[in-house]
C-alpha atoms as a PDB file:
ATOM      1  CA  UNK A   1       0.000   0.000   0.000  1.00  0.00           C
ATOM      2  CA  UNK A   2       1.169   3.530  -0.744  1.00  0.00           C
ATOM      3  CA  UNK A   3       1.963   5.787   2.175  1.00  0.00           C
ATOM      4  CA  UNK A   4      -1.276   7.133   3.625  1.00  0.00           C
ATOM      5  CA  UNK A   5      -2.536  10.327   5.190  1.00  0.00           C
ATOM      6  CA  UNK A   6      -3.227   9.659   8.881  1.00  0.00           C
ATOM      7  CA  UNK A   7      -6.086  11.508  10.547  1.00  0.00           C
ATOM      8  CA  UNK A   8      -5.897  11.401  14.335  1.00  0.00           C
ATOM      9  CA  UNK A   9      -9.425  12.421  15.245  1.00  0.00           C
ATOM     10  CA  UNK A  10     -12.395  11.121  17.143  1.00  0.00           C
ATOM     11  CA  UNK A  11     -14.698   8.874  15.201  1.00  0.00           C
ATOM     12  CA  UNK A  12     -17.312  10.716  13.145  1.00  0.00           C
ATOM     13  CA  UNK A  13     -15.416  14.014  13.221  1.00  0.00           C
ATOM     14  CA  UNK A  14     -17.045  15.815  10.292  1.00  0.00           C
ATOM     15  CA  UNK A  15     -13.925  17.836   9.410  1.00  0.00           C
ATOM     16  CA  UNK A  16     -11.695  14.774   9.237  1.00  0.00           C
ATOM     17  CA  UNK A  17     -14.400  12.897   7.316  1.00  0.00           C
ATOM     18  CA  UNK A  18     -14.611  15.692   4.742  1.00  0.00           C
ATOM     19  CA  UNK A  19     -10.855  15.745   4.155  1.00  0.00           C
ATOM     20  CA  UNK A  20     -10.792  11.951   4.031  1.00  0.00           C
ATOM     21  CA  UNK A  21     -13.599  12.030   1.424  1.00  0.00           C
ATOM     22  CA  UNK A  22     -11.593  14.475  -0.715  1.00  0.00           C
ATOM     23  CA  UNK A  23      -8.485  12.299  -0.336  1.00  0.00           C
ATOM     24  CA  UNK A  24     -10.412   9.263  -1.541  1.00  0.00           C
ATOM     25  CA  UNK A  25     -11.693  11.180  -4.593  1.00  0.00           C
ATOM     26  CA  UNK A  26      -8.079  12.029  -5.445  1.00  0.00           C
ATOM     27  CA  UNK A  27      -7.003   8.389  -4.916  1.00  0.00           C
ATOM     28  CA  UNK A  28      -4.837   9.323  -1.932  1.00  0.00           C
ATOM     29  CA  UNK A  29      -4.856   6.522   0.635  1.00  0.00           C
ATOM     30  CA  UNK A  30      -5.884   7.667   4.089  1.00  0.00           C
ATOM     31  CA  UNK A  31      -7.176   6.330   7.350  1.00  0.00           C
ATOM     32  CA  UNK A  32      -8.707   7.793  10.460  1.00  0.00           C
ATOM     33  CA  UNK A  33      -7.590   6.662  13.873  1.00  0.00           C
ATOM     34  CA  UNK A  34      -9.186   8.024  17.042  1.00  0.00           C
ATOM     35  CA  UNK A  35      -5.875   7.395  18.849  1.00  0.00           C
ATOM     36  CA  UNK A  36      -2.476   5.837  18.326  1.00  0.00           C
ATOM     37  CA  UNK A  37      -3.586   2.398  19.555  1.00  0.00           C
ATOM     38  CA  UNK A  38      -6.227   2.293  16.803  1.00  0.00           C
ATOM     39  CA  UNK A  39      -3.498   2.888  14.225  1.00  0.00           C
ATOM     40  CA  UNK A  40      -1.375  -0.010  15.414  1.00  0.00           C
ATOM     41  CA  UNK A  41      -1.163  -2.042  18.606  1.00  0.00           C
ATOM     42  CA  UNK A  42       2.488  -2.691  17.789  1.00  0.00           C
ATOM     43  CA  UNK A  43       4.646   0.428  17.642  1.00  0.00           C
ATOM     44  CA  UNK A  44       8.172   1.104  18.762  1.00  0.00           C
ATOM     45  CA  UNK A  45      10.520   4.013  19.238  1.00  0.00           C
ATOM     46  CA  UNK A  46      14.186   3.239  18.833  1.00  0.00           C
ATOM     47  CA  UNK A  47      16.551   5.644  20.591  1.00  0.00           C
ATOM     48  CA  UNK A  48      20.279   5.747  20.026  1.00  0.00           C
ATOM     49  CA  UNK A  49      23.213   7.867  18.951  1.00  0.00           C
ATOM     50  CA  UNK A  50      21.543   8.393  15.571  1.00  0.00           C
ATOM     51  CA  UNK A  51      18.447   9.882  17.205  1.00  0.00           C
ATOM     52  CA  UNK A  52      14.907   8.583  17.520  1.00  0.00           C
ATOM     53  CA  UNK A  53      12.971   6.526  15.003  1.00  0.00           C
ATOM     54  CA  UNK A  54       9.369   5.376  15.194  1.00  0.00           C
ATOM     55  CA  UNK A  55       7.819   2.339  13.575  1.00  0.00           C
ATOM     56  CA  UNK A  56       4.271   1.045  13.517  1.00  0.00           C
ATOM     57  CA  UNK A  57       3.371  -2.447  12.398  1.00  0.00           C
ATOM     58  CA  UNK A  58       0.203  -4.079  11.158  1.00  0.00           C
ATOM     59  CA  UNK A  59      -0.905  -7.481  12.429  1.00  0.00           C
ATOM     60  CA  UNK A  60       0.999  -9.115   9.537  1.00  0.00           C
ATOM     61  CA  UNK A  61       4.165  -7.290  10.732  1.00  0.00           C
ATOM     62  CA  UNK A  62       4.236  -5.042   7.670  1.00  0.00           C
ATOM     63  CA  UNK A  63       5.322  -1.484   8.404  1.00  0.00           C
ATOM     64  CA  UNK A  64       2.582   1.122   8.333  1.00  0.00           C
ATOM     65  CA  UNK A  65       3.703   3.876   6.011  1.00  0.00           C
ATOM     66  CA  UNK A  66       2.463   7.419   6.578  1.00  0.00           C
ATOM     67  CA  UNK A  67       2.936  10.364   4.223  1.00  0.00           C
ATOM     68  CA  UNK A  68       1.349  13.043   6.419  1.00  0.00           C
ATOM     69  CA  UNK A  69      -0.435  13.466   9.733  1.00  0.00           C
ATOM     70  CA  UNK A  70      -3.439  15.580  10.611  1.00  0.00           C
ATOM     71  CA  UNK A  71      -3.879  15.994  14.373  1.00  0.00           C
ATOM     72  CA  UNK A  72      -7.476  16.771  15.293  1.00  0.00           C
ATOM     73  CA  UNK A  73      -8.696  15.975  18.781  1.00  0.00           C
ATOM     74  CA  UNK A  74      -7.543  12.378  19.200  1.00  0.00           C
ATOM     75  CA  UNK A  75      -8.873  10.557  22.219  1.00  0.00           C
ATOM     76  CA  UNK A  76      -6.728   8.894  24.874  1.00  0.00           C
ATOM     77  CA  UNK A  77      -5.763   5.400  23.677  1.00  0.00           C
ATOM     78  CA  UNK A  78      -7.817   2.378  24.630  1.00  0.00           C
ATOM     79  CA  UNK A  79      -5.930  -0.099  26.830  1.00  0.00           C
ATOM     80  CA  UNK A  80      -6.573  -3.000  24.467  1.00  0.00           C
ATOM     81  CA  UNK A  81      -6.610  -6.651  25.358  1.00  0.00           C
ATOM     82  CA  UNK A  82      -5.272  -7.054  28.921  1.00  0.00           C
ATOM     83  CA  UNK A  83      -6.303  -8.258  32.350  1.00  0.00           C
ATOM     84  CA  UNK A  84      -9.015  -6.187  33.998  1.00  0.00           C
ATOM     85  CA  UNK A  85      -6.755  -5.289  36.913  1.00  0.00           C
ATOM     86  CA  UNK A  86      -4.129  -3.976  34.463  1.00  0.00           C
ATOM     87  CA  UNK A  87      -6.450  -1.773  32.357  1.00  0.00           C
ATOM     88  CA  UNK A  88      -5.912   1.455  34.299  1.00  0.00           C
ATOM     89  CA  UNK A  89      -2.120   1.066  34.251  1.00  0.00           C
ATOM     90  CA  UNK A  90      -2.034   0.086  30.563  1.00  0.00           C
ATOM     91  CA  UNK A  91      -4.330   3.015  29.650  1.00  0.00           C
ATOM     92  CA  UNK A  92      -2.015   5.434  31.510  1.00  0.00           C
ATOM     93  CA  UNK A  93       1.060   4.019  29.773  1.00  0.00           C
ATOM     94  CA  UNK A  94      -0.588   4.232  26.344  1.00  0.00           C
ATOM     95  CA  UNK A  95      -1.644   7.832  27.066  1.00  0.00           C
ATOM     96  CA  UNK A  96       1.914   8.809  28.042  1.00  0.00           C
ATOM     97  CA  UNK A  97       3.357   6.979  25.027  1.00  0.00           C
ATOM     98  CA  UNK A  98       0.921   8.755  22.684  1.00  0.00           C
ATOM     99  CA  UNK A  99       1.682  12.111  24.338  1.00  0.00           C
ATOM    100  CA  UNK A 100       5.420  11.562  23.799  1.00  0.00           C
ATOM    101  CA  UNK A 101       4.900  10.778  20.122  1.00  0.00           C
ATOM    102  CA  UNK A 102       2.694  13.828  19.575  1.00  0.00           C
ATOM    103  CA  UNK A 103       5.075  16.016  21.639  1.00  0.00           C
ATOM    104  CA  UNK A 104       7.939  15.107  19.322  1.00  0.00           C
ATOM    105  CA  UNK A 105       5.832  15.235  16.138  1.00  0.00           C
ATOM    106  CA  UNK A 106       7.979  15.674  13.049  1.00  0.00           C
ATOM    107  CA  UNK A 107      11.180  15.253  15.081  1.00  0.00           C
ATOM    108  CA  UNK A 108      10.125  11.624  15.532  1.00  0.00           C
ATOM    109  CA  UNK A 109       7.910  10.860  12.539  1.00  0.00           C
ATOM    110  CA  UNK A 110       9.542  12.441   9.505  1.00  0.00           C
ATOM    111  CA  UNK A 111       6.428  13.259   7.505  1.00  0.00           C
ATOM    112  CA  UNK A 112       4.405  16.379   6.775  1.00  0.00           C
ATOM    113  CA  UNK A 113       2.412  17.373   9.854  1.00  0.00           C
ATOM    114  CA  UNK A 114      -0.564  19.368   8.603  1.00  0.00           C
ATOM    115  CA  UNK A 115      -0.841  20.904  12.043  1.00  0.00           C
ATOM    116  CA  UNK A 116       1.434  20.601  15.046  1.00  0.00           C
ATOM    117  CA  UNK A 117      -0.235  18.919  18.034  1.00  0.00           C
ATOM    118  CA  UNK A 118       0.800  21.682  20.466  1.00  0.00           C
ATOM    119  CA  UNK A 119      -0.567  24.367  18.154  1.00  0.00           C
ATOM    120  CA  UNK A 120      -3.803  22.430  17.606  1.00  0.00           C
ATOM    121  CA  UNK A 121      -4.308  21.986  21.347  1.00  0.00           C
ATOM    122  CA  UNK A 122      -3.531  25.653  21.994  1.00  0.00           C
ATOM    123  CA  UNK A 123      -6.110  26.641  19.373  1.00  0.00           C
ATOM    124  CA  UNK A 124      -8.708  24.699  21.381  1.00  0.00           C
ATOM    125  CA  UNK A 125      -7.972  26.704  24.558  1.00  0.00           C
ATOM    126  CA  UNK A 126     -10.370  29.612  24.929  1.00  0.00           C
ATOM    127  CA  UNK A 127      -8.374  31.056  27.838  1.00  0.00           C
ATOM    128  CA  UNK A 128      -5.113  30.906  25.893  1.00  0.00           C
ATOM    129  CA  UNK A 129      -6.843  32.652  22.984  1.00  0.00           C
ATOM    130  CA  UNK A 130      -8.110  35.378  25.329  1.00  0.00           C
ATOM    131  CA  UNK A 131      -4.680  35.857  26.875  1.00  0.00           C
ATOM    132  CA  UNK A 132      -3.129  36.217  23.409  1.00  0.00           C
ATOM    133  CA  UNK A 133      -5.879  38.651  22.363  1.00  0.00           C
ATOM    134  CA  UNK A 134      -5.198  40.744  25.451  1.00  0.00           C
ATOM    135  CA  UNK A 135      -1.432  40.670  24.778  1.00  0.00           C
ATOM    136  CA  UNK A 136      -1.924  42.208  21.331  1.00  0.00           C
ATOM    137  CA  UNK A 137      -4.465  44.772  22.546  1.00  0.00           C
ATOM    138  CA  UNK A 138      -7.539  43.134  21.025  1.00  0.00           C
ATOM    139  CA  UNK A 139     -10.805  44.034  22.770  1.00  0.00           C
ATOM    140  CA  UNK A 140     -13.231  41.313  23.785  1.00  0.00           C
ATOM    141  CA  UNK A 141     -16.296  41.257  26.028  1.00  0.00           C
ATOM    142  CA  UNK A 142     -15.967  40.504  29.723  1.00  0.00           C
ATOM    143  CA  UNK A 143     -16.636  36.875  30.559  1.00  0.00           C
ATOM    144  CA  UNK A 144     -16.239  34.283  33.253  1.00  0.00           C
ATOM    145  CA  UNK A 145     -15.082  30.693  32.926  1.00  0.00           C
ATOM    146  CA  UNK A 146     -16.053  28.715  35.986  1.00  0.00           C
ATOM    147  CA  UNK A 147     -17.340  25.495  37.455  1.00  0.00           C
ATOM    148  CA  UNK A 148     -18.747  27.404  40.455  1.00  0.00           C
ATOM    149  CA  UNK A 149     -22.466  28.166  40.336  1.00  0.00           C
ATOM    150  CA  UNK A 150     -22.197  31.254  42.556  1.00  0.00           C
ATOM    151  CA  UNK A 151     -19.540  32.846  40.336  1.00  0.00           C
ATOM    152  CA  UNK A 152     -21.775  32.176  37.342  1.00  0.00           C
ATOM    153  CA  UNK A 153     -24.776  33.719  39.101  1.00  0.00           C
ATOM    154  CA  UNK A 154     -22.771  36.817  40.086  1.00  0.00           C
ATOM    155  CA  UNK A 155     -21.619  37.289  36.514  1.00  0.00           C
ATOM    156  CA  UNK A 156     -25.155  36.836  35.158  1.00  0.00           C
ATOM    157  CA  UNK A 157     -26.381  39.493  37.604  1.00  0.00           C
ATOM    158  CA  UNK A 158     -23.697  41.906  36.347  1.00  0.00           C
ATOM    159  CA  UNK A 159     -24.742  41.231  32.743  1.00  0.00           C
ATOM    160  CA  UNK A 160     -28.428  41.713  33.558  1.00  0.00           C
ATOM    161  CA  UNK A 161     -27.743  45.048  35.258  1.00  0.00           C
ATOM    162  CA  UNK A 162     -25.651  46.162  32.259  1.00  0.00           C
ATOM    163  CA  UNK A 163     -28.450  45.097  29.911  1.00  0.00           C
ATOM    164  CA  UNK A 164     -31.027  47.003  31.953  1.00  0.00           C
ATOM    165  CA  UNK A 165     -28.797  50.114  31.997  1.00  0.00           C
ATOM    166  CA  UNK A 166     -28.200  49.882  28.236  1.00  0.00           C
ATOM    167  CA  UNK A 167     -31.924  49.334  27.501  1.00  0.00           C
ATOM    168  CA  UNK A 168     -33.054  52.295  29.616  1.00  0.00           C
ATOM    169  CA  UNK A 169     -30.375  54.537  28.121  1.00  0.00           C
ATOM    170  CA  UNK A 170     -31.545  53.727  24.598  1.00  0.00           C
ATOM    171  CA  UNK A 171     -35.196  54.351  25.601  1.00  0.00           C
ATOM    172  CA  UNK A 172     -34.306  57.793  26.939  1.00  0.00           C
ATOM    173  CA  UNK A 173     -32.961  58.899  23.574  1.00  0.00           C
END
């Protein structure tokens, strides 16, 4: 099989599905994997004086060949086939292994990365976006991000009083 485009995204991600559909129309092999363990249960990273190399193998021990990677919200890897009492440990190890691979990105897997995992994750962070907007002087409305009901209620009360003030001011004109 020719080298494929790898989409690391949750199942049924409409964006990944659209790009995969276009790839198929252009006869570009591709596959979607919700996590690294879905790509291949057998992967290895070889470290030595020559650097790091990564390999992934299919069940028939053939190397999986990738031409490019698109990182879009992959899930933590599934622990796979193991004893019930080992599942939590195996899941943690898979998650750390996957994180290491995505942290190294093109330094480990020498292919075109459509988007860098760190940049993709940062783009998902509303608070990071707001901090960057503030740093460049971009105005944005006041908001609160919380898991505390009282903080949410206080903020809603502030918004309601602002709305009432704005509405009465426009009525007076």
